[in-house]
All heavy atoms as atom14 arrays in JSON, in Angstrom:
{
  "sequence": "QRTNTPYTSTPACTVTYQVTGTATKGGDYADFGGSAVLPSGQAGSNYV",
  "atom14_mask": [
    [1, 1, 1, 1, 1, 1, 1, 1, 1, 0, 0, 0, 0, 0],
    [1, 1, 1, 1, 1, 1, 1, 1, 1, 1, 1, 0, 0, 0],
    [1, 1, 1, 1, 1, 1, 1, 0, 0, 0, 0, 0, 0, 0],
    [1, 1, 1, 1, 1, 1, 1, 1, 0, 0, 0, 0, 0, 0],
    [1, 1, 1, 1, 1, 1, 1, 0, 0, 0, 0, 0, 0, 0],
    [1, 1, 1, 1, 1, 1, 1, 0, 0, 0, 0, 0, 0, 0],
    [1, 1, 1, 1, 1, 1, 1, 1, 1, 1, 1, 1, 0, 0],
    [1, 1, 1, 1, 1, 1, 1, 0, 0, 0, 0, 0, 0, 0],
    [1, 1, 1, 1, 1, 1, 0, 0, 0, 0, 0, 0, 0, 0],
    [1, 1, 1, 1, 1, 1, 1, 0, 0, 0, 0, 0, 0, 0],
    [1, 1, 1, 1, 1, 1, 1, 0, 0, 0, 0, 0, 0, 0],
    [1, 1, 1, 1, 1, 0, 0, 0, 0, 0, 0, 0, 0, 0],
    [1, 1, 1, 1, 1, 1, 0, 0, 0, 0, 0, 0, 0, 0],
    [1, 1, 1, 1, 1, 1, 1, 0, 0, 0, 0, 0, 0, 0],
    [1, 1, 1, 1, 1, 1, 1, 0, 0, 0, 0, 0, 0, 0],
    [1, 1, 1, 1, 1, 1, 1, 0, 0, 0, 0, 0, 0, 0],
    [1, 1, 1, 1, 1, 1, 1, 1, 1, 1, 1, 1, 0, 0],
    [1, 1, 1, 1, 1, 1, 1, 1, 1, 0, 0, 0, 0, 0],
    [1, 1, 1, 1, 1, 1, 1, 0, 0, 0, 0, 0, 0, 0],
    [1, 1, 1, 1, 1, 1, 1, 0, 0, 0, 0, 0, 0, 0],
    [1, 1, 1, 1, 0, 0, 0, 0, 0, 0, 0, 0, 0, 0],
    [1, 1, 1, 1, 1, 1, 1, 0, 0, 0, 0, 0, 0, 0],
    [1, 1, 1, 1, 1, 0, 0, 0, 0, 0, 0, 0, 0, 0],
    [1, 1, 1, 1, 1, 1, 1, 0, 0, 0, 0, 0, 0, 0],
    [1, 1, 1, 1, 1, 1, 1, 1, 1, 0, 0, 0, 0, 0],
    [1, 1, 1, 1, 0, 0, 0, 0, 0, 0, 0, 0, 0, 0],
    [1, 1, 1, 1, 0, 0, 0, 0, 0, 0, 0, 0, 0, 0],
    [1, 1, 1, 1, 1, 1, 1, 1, 0, 0, 0, 0, 0, 0],
    [1, 1, 1, 1, 1, 1, 1, 1, 1, 1, 1, 1, 0, 0],
    [1, 1, 1, 1, 1, 0, 0, 0, 0, 0, 0, 0, 0, 0],
    [1, 1, 1, 1, 1, 1, 1, 1, 0, 0, 0, 0, 0, 0],
    [1, 1, 1, 1, 1, 1, 1, 1, 1, 1, 1, 0, 0, 0],
    [1, 1, 1, 1, 0, 0, 0, 0, 0, 0, 0, 0, 0, 0],
    [1, 1, 1, 1, 0, 0, 0, 0, 0, 0, 0, 0, 0, 0],
    [1, 1, 1, 1, 1, 1, 0, 0, 0, 0, 0, 0, 0, 0],
    [1, 1, 1, 1, 1, 0, 0, 0, 0, 0, 0, 0, 0, 0],
    [1, 1, 1, 1, 1, 1, 1, 0, 0, 0, 0, 0, 0, 0],
    [1, 1, 1, 1, 1, 1, 1, 1, 0, 0, 0, 0, 0, 0],
    [1, 1, 1, 1, 1, 1, 1, 0, 0, 0, 0, 0, 0, 0],
    [1, 1, 1, 1, 1, 1, 0, 0, 0, 0, 0, 0, 0, 0],
    [1, 1, 1, 1, 0, 0, 0, 0, 0, 0, 0, 0, 0, 0],
    [1, 1, 1, 1, 1, 1, 1, 1, 1, 0, 0, 0, 0, 0],
    [1, 1, 1, 1, 1, 0, 0, 0, 0, 0, 0, 0, 0, 0],
    [1, 1, 1, 1, 0, 0, 0, 0, 0, 0, 0, 0, 0, 0],
    [1, 1, 1, 1, 1, 1, 0, 0, 0, 0, 0, 0, 0, 0],
    [1, 1, 1, 1, 1, 1, 1, 1, 0, 0, 0, 0, 0, 0],
    [1, 1, 1, 1, 1, 1, 1, 1, 1, 1, 1, 1, 0, 0],
    [1, 1, 1, 1, 1, 1, 1, 0, 0, 0, 0, 0, 0, 0]
  ],
  "atom14_positions": [
    [[-50.28, 19.18, -121.55], [-49.99, 20.54, -122.0], [-48.62, 21.01, -121.53], [-48.05, 20.48, -120.59], [-51.07, 21.5, -121.49], [-51.06, 21.72, -120.0], [-52.15, 22.7, -119.57], [-53.05, 23.03, -120.34], [-52.08, 23.16, -118.34], [0.0, 0.0, 0.0], [0.0, 0.0, 0.0], [0.0, 0.0, 0.0], [0.0, 0.0, 0.0], [0.0, 0.0, 0.0]],
    [[-48.13, 21.99, -122.25], [-46.9, 22.66, -121.85], [-47.21, 23.64, -120.73], [-48.22, 24.34, -120.76], [-46.3, 23.45, -123.02], [-45.85, 22.62, -124.21], [-45.27, 23.54, -125.28], [-44.75, 22.82, -126.42], [-45.44, 22.59, -127.54], [-46.69, 23.02, -127.64], [-44.9, 21.93, -128.53], [0.0, 0.0, 0.0], [0.0, 0.0, 0.0], [0.0, 0.0, 0.0]],
    [[-46.33, 23.71, -119.77], [-46.49, 24.7, -118.71], [-45.59, 25.91, -118.94], [-45.75, 26.93, -118.28], [-46.18, 24.1, -117.33], [-44.83, 23.6, -117.31], [-47.13, 22.96, -117.01], [0.0, 0.0, 0.0], [0.0, 0.0, 0.0], [0.0, 0.0, 0.0], [0.0, 0.0, 0.0], [0.0, 0.0, 0.0], [0.0, 0.0, 0.0], [0.0, 0.0, 0.0]],
    [[-44.62, 25.8, -119.87], [-43.82, 26.97, -120.25], [-44.45, 27.63, -121.46], [-45.32, 27.07, -122.12], [-42.36, 26.6, -120.5], [-42.19, 25.52, -121.55], [-43.03, 24.63, -121.66], [-41.13, 25.59, -122.32], [0.0, 0.0, 0.0], [0.0, 0.0, 0.0], [0.0, 0.0, 0.0], [0.0, 0.0, 0.0], [0.0, 0.0, 0.0], [0.0, 0.0, 0.0]],
    [[-44.0, 28.84, -121.77], [-44.6, 29.61, -122.85], [-44.46, 28.89, -124.18], [-43.36, 28.49, -124.56], [-43.91, 30.98, -122.95], [-44.02, 31.64, -121.69], [-44.55, 31.84, -124.02], [0.0, 0.0, 0.0], [0.0, 0.0, 0.0], [0.0, 0.0, 0.0], [0.0, 0.0, 0.0], [0.0, 0.0, 0.0], [0.0, 0.0, 0.0], [0.0, 0.0, 0.0]],
    [[-45.55, 28.66, -124.92], [-45.48, 28.0, -126.21], [-45.05, 28.98, -127.31], [-45.88, 29.53, -128.02], [-46.89, 27.5, -126.43], [-47.74, 28.5, -125.72], [-46.94, 28.96, -124.54], [0.0, 0.0, 0.0], [0.0, 0.0, 0.0], [0.0, 0.0, 0.0], [0.0, 0.0, 0.0], [0.0, 0.0, 0.0], [0.0, 0.0, 0.0], [0.0, 0.0, 0.0]],
    [[-43.75, 29.25, -127.43], [-43.27, 30.17, -128.44], [-43.75, 29.72, -129.82], [-43.83, 28.53, -130.11], [-41.75, 30.25, -128.41], [-41.22, 30.71, -127.07], [-40.61, 29.82, -126.2], [-41.36, 32.03, -126.68], [-40.14, 30.24, -124.97], [-40.9, 32.46, -125.46], [-40.28, 31.56, -124.6], [-39.83, 31.97, -123.39], [0.0, 0.0, 0.0], [0.0, 0.0, 0.0]],
    [[-44.05, 30.66, -130.68], [-44.69, 30.34, -131.94], [-43.85, 29.46, -132.84], [-44.37, 28.76, -133.69], [-45.07, 31.62, -132.69], [-43.91, 32.43, -132.86], [-46.12, 32.41, -131.94], [0.0, 0.0, 0.0], [0.0, 0.0, 0.0], [0.0, 0.0, 0.0], [0.0, 0.0, 0.0], [0.0, 0.0, 0.0], [0.0, 0.0, 0.0], [0.0, 0.0, 0.0]],
    [[-42.51, 29.48, -132.68], [-41.67, 28.65, -133.54], [-41.26, 27.35, -132.87], [-40.46, 26.59, -133.41], [-40.42, 29.43, -133.96], [-39.71, 29.87, -132.83], [0.0, 0.0, 0.0], [0.0, 0.0, 0.0], [0.0, 0.0, 0.0], [0.0, 0.0, 0.0], [0.0, 0.0, 0.0], [0.0, 0.0, 0.0], [0.0, 0.0, 0.0], [0.0, 0.0, 0.0]],
    [[-41.79, 27.07, -131.67], [-41.49, 25.8, -131.02], [-42.05, 24.65, -131.85], [-43.23, 24.64, -132.18], [-42.1, 25.74, -129.61], [-41.58, 26.81, -128.84], [-41.78, 24.42, -128.92], [0.0, 0.0, 0.0], [0.0, 0.0, 0.0], [0.0, 0.0, 0.0], [0.0, 0.0, 0.0], [0.0, 0.0, 0.0], [0.0, 0.0, 0.0], [0.0, 0.0, 0.0]],
    [[-41.24, 23.65, -132.21], [-41.75, 22.56, -133.05], [-42.68, 21.65, -132.27], [-42.7, 21.64, -131.04], [-40.47, 21.83, -133.46], [-39.48, 22.12, -132.38], [-39.79, 23.51, -131.91], [0.0, 0.0, 0.0], [0.0, 0.0, 0.0], [0.0, 0.0, 0.0], [0.0, 0.0, 0.0], [0.0, 0.0, 0.0], [0.0, 0.0, 0.0], [0.0, 0.0, 0.0]],
    [[-43.45, 20.88, -133.02], [-44.32, 19.87, -132.4], [-43.46, 18.81, -131.72], [-42.31, 18.59, -132.08], [-45.21, 19.24, -133.46], [0.0, 0.0, 0.0], [0.0, 0.0, 0.0], [0.0, 0.0, 0.0], [0.0, 0.0, 0.0], [0.0, 0.0, 0.0], [0.0, 0.0, 0.0], [0.0, 0.0, 0.0], [0.0, 0.0, 0.0], [0.0, 0.0, 0.0]],
    [[-44.03, 18.18, -130.7], [-43.31, 17.1, -130.03], [-44.28, 15.98, -129.68], [-45.46, 16.2, -129.43], [-42.57, 17.6, -128.79], [-43.64, 18.03, -127.4], [0.0, 0.0, 0.0], [0.0, 0.0, 0.0], [0.0, 0.0, 0.0], [0.0, 0.0, 0.0], [0.0, 0.0, 0.0], [0.0, 0.0, 0.0], [0.0, 0.0, 0.0], [0.0, 0.0, 0.0]],
    [[-43.76, 14.75, -129.69], [-44.56, 13.58, -129.35], [-44.31, 13.22, -127.89], [-43.16, 13.07, -127.46], [-44.19, 12.39, -130.24], [-44.45, 12.73, -131.61], [-45.0, 11.16, -129.87], [0.0, 0.0, 0.0], [0.0, 0.0, 0.0], [0.0, 0.0, 0.0], [0.0, 0.0, 0.0], [0.0, 0.0, 0.0], [0.0, 0.0, 0.0], [0.0, 0.0, 0.0]],
    [[-45.38, 13.09, -127.13], [-45.32, 12.75, -125.7], [-45.82, 11.32, -125.53], [-46.9, 10.96, -126.02], [-46.2, 13.71, -124.87], [-46.11, 13.35, -123.39], [-45.79, 15.15, -125.11], [0.0, 0.0, 0.0], [0.0, 0.0, 0.0], [0.0, 0.0, 0.0], [0.0, 0.0, 0.0], [0.0, 0.0, 0.0], [0.0, 0.0, 0.0], [0.0, 0.0, 0.0]],
    [[-45.04, 10.5, -124.87], [-45.48, 9.14, -124.56], [-45.88, 9.07, -123.08], [-45.3, 9.77, -122.24], [-44.37, 8.11, -124.83], [-43.21, 8.43, -124.06], [-43.99, 8.11, -126.3], [0.0, 0.0, 0.0], [0.0, 0.0, 0.0], [0.0, 0.0, 0.0], [0.0, 0.0, 0.0], [0.0, 0.0, 0.0], [0.0, 0.0, 0.0], [0.0, 0.0, 0.0]],
    [[-46.87, 8.27, -122.78], [-47.35, 8.15, -121.41], [-47.78, 6.72, -121.13], [-48.05, 5.93, -122.03], [-48.5, 9.13, -121.14], [-49.66, 9.01, -122.1], [-50.7, 8.11, -121.87], [-49.72, 9.81, -123.24], [-51.76, 8.0, -122.75], [-50.78, 9.71, -124.13], [-51.79, 8.81, -123.88], [-52.85, 8.69, -124.75], [0.0, 0.0, 0.0], [0.0, 0.0, 0.0]],
    [[-47.85, 6.39, -119.85], [-48.25, 5.05, -119.4], [-49.47, 5.18, -118.51], [-49.53, 6.08, -117.66], [-47.11, 4.38, -118.63], [-47.41, 2.96, -118.19], [-46.22, 2.34, -117.45], [-45.26, 3.03, -117.1], [-46.29, 1.04, -117.23], [0.0, 0.0, 0.0], [0.0, 0.0, 0.0], [0.0, 0.0, 0.0], [0.0, 0.0, 0.0], [0.0, 0.0, 0.0]],
    [[-50.46, 4.31, -118.71], [-51.7, 4.34, -117.93], [-51.65, 3.22, -116.9], [-51.42, 2.05, -117.23], [-52.93, 4.16, -118.85], [-54.21, 4.22, -118.04], [-52.93, 5.21, -119.95], [0.0, 0.0, 0.0], [0.0, 0.0, 0.0], [0.0, 0.0, 0.0], [0.0, 0.0, 0.0], [0.0, 0.0, 0.0], [0.0, 0.0, 0.0], [0.0, 0.0, 0.0]],
    [[-51.84, 3.57, -115.63], [-51.85, 2.59, -114.54], [-53.08, 2.82, -113.67], [-53.82, 3.78, -113.86], [-50.58, 2.71, -113.67], [-50.52, 4.02, -113.09], [-49.32, 2.47, -114.5], [0.0, 0.0, 0.0], [0.0, 0.0, 0.0], [0.0, 0.0, 0.0], [0.0, 0.0, 0.0], [0.0, 0.0, 0.0], [0.0, 0.0, 0.0], [0.0, 0.0, 0.0]],
    [[-53.31, 1.97, -112.72], [-54.43, 2.1, -111.79], [-55.15, 0.77, -111.59], [-54.77, -0.27, -112.15], [0.0, 0.0, 0.0], [0.0, 0.0, 0.0], [0.0, 0.0, 0.0], [0.0, 0.0, 0.0], [0.0, 0.0, 0.0], [0.0, 0.0, 0.0], [0.0, 0.0, 0.0], [0.0, 0.0, 0.0], [0.0, 0.0, 0.0], [0.0, 0.0, 0.0]],
    [[-56.2, 0.81, -110.77], [-56.93, -0.42, -110.44], [-57.98, -0.76, -111.5], [-58.43, -1.92, -111.58], [-57.62, -0.28, -109.08], [-58.48, 0.86, -109.08], [-56.58, -0.11, -107.97], [0.0, 0.0, 0.0], [0.0, 0.0, 0.0], [0.0, 0.0, 0.0], [0.0, 0.0, 0.0], [0.0, 0.0, 0.0], [0.0, 0.0, 0.0], [0.0, 0.0, 0.0]],
    [[-58.41, 0.21, -112.29], [-59.34, -0.07, -113.39], [-58.62, -0.81, -114.5], [-57.4, -0.65, -114.69], [-59.96, 1.22, -113.91], [0.0, 0.0, 0.0], [0.0, 0.0, 0.0], [0.0, 0.0, 0.0], [0.0, 0.0, 0.0], [0.0, 0.0, 0.0], [0.0, 0.0, 0.0], [0.0, 0.0, 0.0], [0.0, 0.0, 0.0], [0.0, 0.0, 0.0]],
    [[-59.37, -1.63, -115.25], [-58.77, -2.48, -116.27], [-59.09, -1.96, -117.67], [-60.26, -1.72, -118.0], [-59.3, -3.92, -116.16], [-59.03, -4.41, -114.85], [-58.64, -4.83, -117.18], [0.0, 0.0, 0.0], [0.0, 0.0, 0.0], [0.0, 0.0, 0.0], [0.0, 0.0, 0.0], [0.0, 0.0, 0.0], [0.0, 0.0, 0.0], [0.0, 0.0, 0.0]],
    [[-58.01, -1.79, -118.45], [-58.2, -1.35, -119.83], [-58.95, -2.41, -120.62], [-58.65, -3.6, -120.54], [-56.85, -1.07, -120.49], [-56.94, -0.62, -121.94], [-55.56, -0.3, -122.5], [-54.71, -1.56, -122.64], [-53.41, -1.29, -123.3], [0.0, 0.0, 0.0], [0.0, 0.0, 0.0], [0.0, 0.0, 0.0], [0.0, 0.0, 0.0], [0.0, 0.0, 0.0]],
    [[-59.95, -2.0, -121.39], [-60.74, -2.94, -122.18], [-61.91, -3.51, -121.42], [-62.86, -4.01, -122.02], [0.0, 0.0, 0.0], [0.0, 0.0, 0.0], [0.0, 0.0, 0.0], [0.0, 0.0, 0.0], [0.0, 0.0, 0.0], [0.0, 0.0, 0.0], [0.0, 0.0, 0.0], [0.0, 0.0, 0.0], [0.0, 0.0, 0.0], [0.0, 0.0, 0.0]],
    [[-61.84, -3.47, -120.07], [-62.96, -3.93, -119.25], [-63.69, -2.77, -118.62], [-64.92, -2.65, -118.71], [0.0, 0.0, 0.0], [0.0, 0.0, 0.0], [0.0, 0.0, 0.0], [0.0, 0.0, 0.0], [0.0, 0.0, 0.0], [0.0, 0.0, 0.0], [0.0, 0.0, 0.0], [0.0, 0.0, 0.0], [0.0, 0.0, 0.0], [0.0, 0.0, 0.0]],
    [[-62.92, -1.87, -117.97], [-63.53, -0.71, -117.3], [-63.48, 0.56, -118.16], [-64.26, 1.48, -117.95], [-62.82, -0.44, -115.98], [-62.95, -1.62, -115.02], [-64.08, -2.08, -114.81], [-61.91, -2.06, -114.5], [0.0, 0.0, 0.0], [0.0, 0.0, 0.0], [0.0, 0.0, 0.0], [0.0, 0.0, 0.0], [0.0, 0.0, 0.0], [0.0, 0.0, 0.0]],
    [[-62.55, 0.62, -119.09], [-62.45, 1.81, -119.96], [-61.82, 1.4, -121.3], [-61.14, 0.38, -121.39], [-61.63, 2.92, -119.3], [-60.19, 2.53, -119.02], [-59.18, 2.74, -119.96], [-59.83, 1.96, -117.81], [-57.87, 2.39, -119.71], [-58.52, 1.6, -117.53], [-57.54, 1.83, -118.48], [-56.24, 1.46, -118.23], [0.0, 0.0, 0.0], [0.0, 0.0, 0.0]],
    [[-62.1, 2.19, -122.3], [-61.55, 1.92, -123.63], [-60.11, 2.39, -123.71], [-59.7, 3.35, -123.04], [-62.39, 2.62, -124.7], [0.0, 0.0, 0.0], [0.0, 0.0, 0.0], [0.0, 0.0, 0.0], [0.0, 0.0, 0.0], [0.0, 0.0, 0.0], [0.0, 0.0, 0.0], [0.0, 0.0, 0.0], [0.0, 0.0, 0.0], [0.0, 0.0, 0.0]],
    [[-59.34, 1.7, -124.5], [-57.93, 2.05, -124.69], [-57.83, 3.44, -125.33], [-58.51, 3.74, -126.31], [-57.28, 1.0, -125.6], [-55.79, 1.28, -125.8], [-55.21, 2.06, -125.03], [-55.21, 0.7, -126.75], [0.0, 0.0, 0.0], [0.0, 0.0, 0.0], [0.0, 0.0, 0.0], [0.0, 0.0, 0.0], [0.0, 0.0, 0.0], [0.0, 0.0, 0.0]],
    [[-57.03, 4.33, -124.74], [-56.81, 5.65, -125.37], [-55.34, 5.89, -125.66], [-54.85, 7.0, -125.67], [-57.41, 6.79, -124.52], [-57.0, 6.82, -123.08], [-55.88, 7.52, -122.67], [-57.75, 6.13, -122.13], [-55.52, 7.58, -121.34], [-57.39, 6.18, -120.79], [-56.27, 6.9, -120.39], [0.0, 0.0, 0.0], [0.0, 0.0, 0.0], [0.0, 0.0, 0.0]],
    [[-54.64, 4.8, -125.98], [-53.29, 4.91, -126.51], [-52.23, 5.19, -125.47], [-52.49, 5.17, -124.26], [0.0, 0.0, 0.0], [0.0, 0.0, 0.0], [0.0, 0.0, 0.0], [0.0, 0.0, 0.0], [0.0, 0.0, 0.0], [0.0, 0.0, 0.0], [0.0, 0.0, 0.0], [0.0, 0.0, 0.0], [0.0, 0.0, 0.0], [0.0, 0.0, 0.0]],
    [[-51.02, 5.44, -125.98], [-49.89, 5.71, -125.09], [-49.04, 6.86, -125.56], [-47.93, 7.05, -125.06], [0.0, 0.0, 0.0], [0.0, 0.0, 0.0], [0.0, 0.0, 0.0], [0.0, 0.0, 0.0], [0.0, 0.0, 0.0], [0.0, 0.0, 0.0], [0.0, 0.0, 0.0], [0.0, 0.0, 0.0], [0.0, 0.0, 0.0], [0.0, 0.0, 0.0]],
    [[-49.54, 7.62, -126.53], [-48.77, 8.78, -127.0], [-49.71, 9.83, -127.56], [-50.85, 9.53, -127.95], [-47.75, 8.37, -128.06], [-48.4, 7.93, -129.24], [0.0, 0.0, 0.0], [0.0, 0.0, 0.0], [0.0, 0.0, 0.0], [0.0, 0.0, 0.0], [0.0, 0.0, 0.0], [0.0, 0.0, 0.0], [0.0, 0.0, 0.0], [0.0, 0.0, 0.0]],
    [[-49.24, 11.06, -127.58], [-50.0, 12.18, -128.14], [-49.0, 13.17, -128.71], [-47.86, 13.24, -128.27], [-50.86, 12.83, -127.08], [0.0, 0.0, 0.0], [0.0, 0.0, 0.0], [0.0, 0.0, 0.0], [0.0, 0.0, 0.0], [0.0, 0.0, 0.0], [0.0, 0.0, 0.0], [0.0, 0.0, 0.0], [0.0, 0.0, 0.0], [0.0, 0.0, 0.0]],
    [[-49.44, 13.93, -129.7], [-48.59, 14.93, -130.34], [-49.02, 16.32, -129.9], [-50.17, 16.71, -130.09], [-48.65, 14.82, -131.87], [-47.81, 15.93, -132.51], [-48.14, 13.45, -132.32], [0.0, 0.0, 0.0], [0.0, 0.0, 0.0], [0.0, 0.0, 0.0], [0.0, 0.0, 0.0], [0.0, 0.0, 0.0], [0.0, 0.0, 0.0], [0.0, 0.0, 0.0]],
    [[-48.1, 17.04, -129.29], [-48.34, 18.45, -128.99], [-48.02, 19.25, -130.26], [-46.91, 19.19, -130.76], [-47.44, 18.93, -127.85], [-47.82, 18.46, -126.45], [-46.69, 18.77, -125.48], [-49.09, 19.15, -125.99], [0.0, 0.0, 0.0], [0.0, 0.0, 0.0], [0.0, 0.0, 0.0], [0.0, 0.0, 0.0], [0.0, 0.0, 0.0], [0.0, 0.0, 0.0]],
    [[-48.96, 20.01, -130.78], [-48.7, 20.78, -132.01], [-47.67, 21.88, -131.77], [-47.37, 22.23, -130.63], [-50.06, 21.36, -132.37], [-50.82, 21.39, -131.08], [-50.32, 20.23, -130.27], [0.0, 0.0, 0.0], [0.0, 0.0, 0.0], [0.0, 0.0, 0.0], [0.0, 0.0, 0.0], [0.0, 0.0, 0.0], [0.0, 0.0, 0.0], [0.0, 0.0, 0.0]],
    [[-47.14, 22.39, -132.84], [-46.17, 23.47, -132.72], [-46.77, 24.63, -131.94], [-47.99, 24.84, -131.97], [-45.7, 23.94, -134.1], [-46.8, 24.37, -134.87], [0.0, 0.0, 0.0], [0.0, 0.0, 0.0], [0.0, 0.0, 0.0], [0.0, 0.0, 0.0], [0.0, 0.0, 0.0], [0.0, 0.0, 0.0], [0.0, 0.0, 0.0], [0.0, 0.0, 0.0]],
    [[-45.92, 25.34, -131.23], [-46.38, 26.27, -130.21], [-47.09, 27.5, -130.71], [-46.54, 28.61, -130.68], [0.0, 0.0, 0.0], [0.0, 0.0, 0.0], [0.0, 0.0, 0.0], [0.0, 0.0, 0.0], [0.0, 0.0, 0.0], [0.0, 0.0, 0.0], [0.0, 0.0, 0.0], [0.0, 0.0, 0.0], [0.0, 0.0, 0.0], [0.0, 0.0, 0.0]],
    [[-48.29, 27.35, -131.13], [-49.13, 28.49, -131.48], [-49.96, 28.88, -130.26], [-50.32, 28.04, -129.44], [-50.05, 28.13, -132.65], [-49.32, 27.7, -133.9], [-48.52, 28.83, -134.52], [-48.92, 29.98, -134.45], [-47.4, 28.51, -135.13], [0.0, 0.0, 0.0], [0.0, 0.0, 0.0], [0.0, 0.0, 0.0], [0.0, 0.0, 0.0], [0.0, 0.0, 0.0]],
    [[-50.22, 30.14, -130.14], [-51.01, 30.6, -129.0], [-52.37, 29.9, -128.98], [-53.06, 29.83, -129.98], [-51.21, 32.11, -129.08], [0.0, 0.0, 0.0], [0.0, 0.0, 0.0], [0.0, 0.0, 0.0], [0.0, 0.0, 0.0], [0.0, 0.0, 0.0], [0.0, 0.0, 0.0], [0.0, 0.0, 0.0], [0.0, 0.0, 0.0], [0.0, 0.0, 0.0]],
    [[-52.75, 29.35, -127.82], [-54.04, 28.7, -127.67], [-54.07, 27.27, -128.14], [-55.13, 26.64, -128.16], [0.0, 0.0, 0.0], [0.0, 0.0, 0.0], [0.0, 0.0, 0.0], [0.0, 0.0, 0.0], [0.0, 0.0, 0.0], [0.0, 0.0, 0.0], [0.0, 0.0, 0.0], [0.0, 0.0, 0.0], [0.0, 0.0, 0.0], [0.0, 0.0, 0.0]],
    [[-52.96, 26.69, -128.54], [-52.95, 25.3, -129.02], [-51.86, 24.51, -128.33], [-51.16, 23.72, -128.93], [-52.77, 25.24, -130.53], [-51.51, 25.77, -130.89], [0.0, 0.0, 0.0], [0.0, 0.0, 0.0], [0.0, 0.0, 0.0], [0.0, 0.0, 0.0], [0.0, 0.0, 0.0], [0.0, 0.0, 0.0], [0.0, 0.0, 0.0], [0.0, 0.0, 0.0]],
    [[-51.73, 24.74, -127.04], [-50.62, 24.11, -126.32], [-51.04, 22.87, -125.54], [-50.4, 22.48, -124.6], [-49.98, 25.12, -125.36], [-50.92, 25.56, -124.26], [-52.12, 25.6, -124.48], [-50.38, 25.88, -123.11], [0.0, 0.0, 0.0], [0.0, 0.0, 0.0], [0.0, 0.0, 0.0], [0.0, 0.0, 0.0], [0.0, 0.0, 0.0], [0.0, 0.0, 0.0]],
    [[-52.17, 22.24, -125.96], [-52.55, 21.01, -125.29], [-53.2, 20.05, -126.27], [-53.61, 20.43, -127.35], [-53.48, 21.28, -124.11], [-54.8, 21.89, -124.5], [-55.87, 21.08, -124.8], [-54.97, 23.26, -124.55], [-57.09, 21.61, -125.19], [-56.18, 23.81, -124.92], [-57.24, 22.99, -125.24], [-58.44, 23.53, -125.61], [0.0, 0.0, 0.0], [0.0, 0.0, 0.0]],
    [[-53.29, 18.8, -125.83], [-53.91, 17.76, -126.64], [-54.95, 17.05, -125.79], [-54.72, 16.74, -124.63], [-52.85, 16.74, -127.12], [-53.49, 15.44, -127.57], [-52.05, 17.32, -128.25], [0.0, 0.0, 0.0], [0.0, 0.0, 0.0], [0.0, 0.0, 0.0], [0.0, 0.0, 0.0], [0.0, 0.0, 0.0], [0.0, 0.0, 0.0], [0.0, 0.0, 0.0]]
  ]
}
């Protein structure tokens, strides 16, 4: 999520992330990708 104010005209943005840890992807948990799209900054929709 955004921690700054999601102004209504703020465009959508794609966030990439990396998953690390001692658990194993595909063995201990299902793959949940490496990117997510934050929708344009409408009130109440500032997270994915």
